Amino acid sequence: CSFIDFNVEDINALKKLPQRFDYSYSHISSFFSKSMGLSLKEYFLMSRHRRACELLRSGMSVTAVSERMGYSSIHVFSKAFSGRENISPSVYAQKYKTK
């Protein structure tokens, strides 16, 4: 979990797990799912979303957050974000911006 959390801004973080831990991806994924009760990919997406929320609350623009988190476009980021929060990233940023 800490490796993923630390590398969450790297879209290829999951691909680096086998190199980092010297196990196959399928072994790591299976072990993670059994231990955590959710898939490795879902944990990565949750961690990625959590980091995006932090960046938006800090005042970073939606475009900058989208780029930093490795989304292919702001539209893809907005759709993914809205799917988790039920509000757009810009509305979230305005509502929860740290003062």
Foldseek 3Di string as FASTA:
>chain_A
DVQLLVCLLPPCSLVCVCVVPVDDSVVVQVVCCVVPVDGPVVVSLVSLLVVLLVCLLQPDDLQVSCVSSPHPGSVVVQVSNCVVVVDGSVVSSVVRHDD
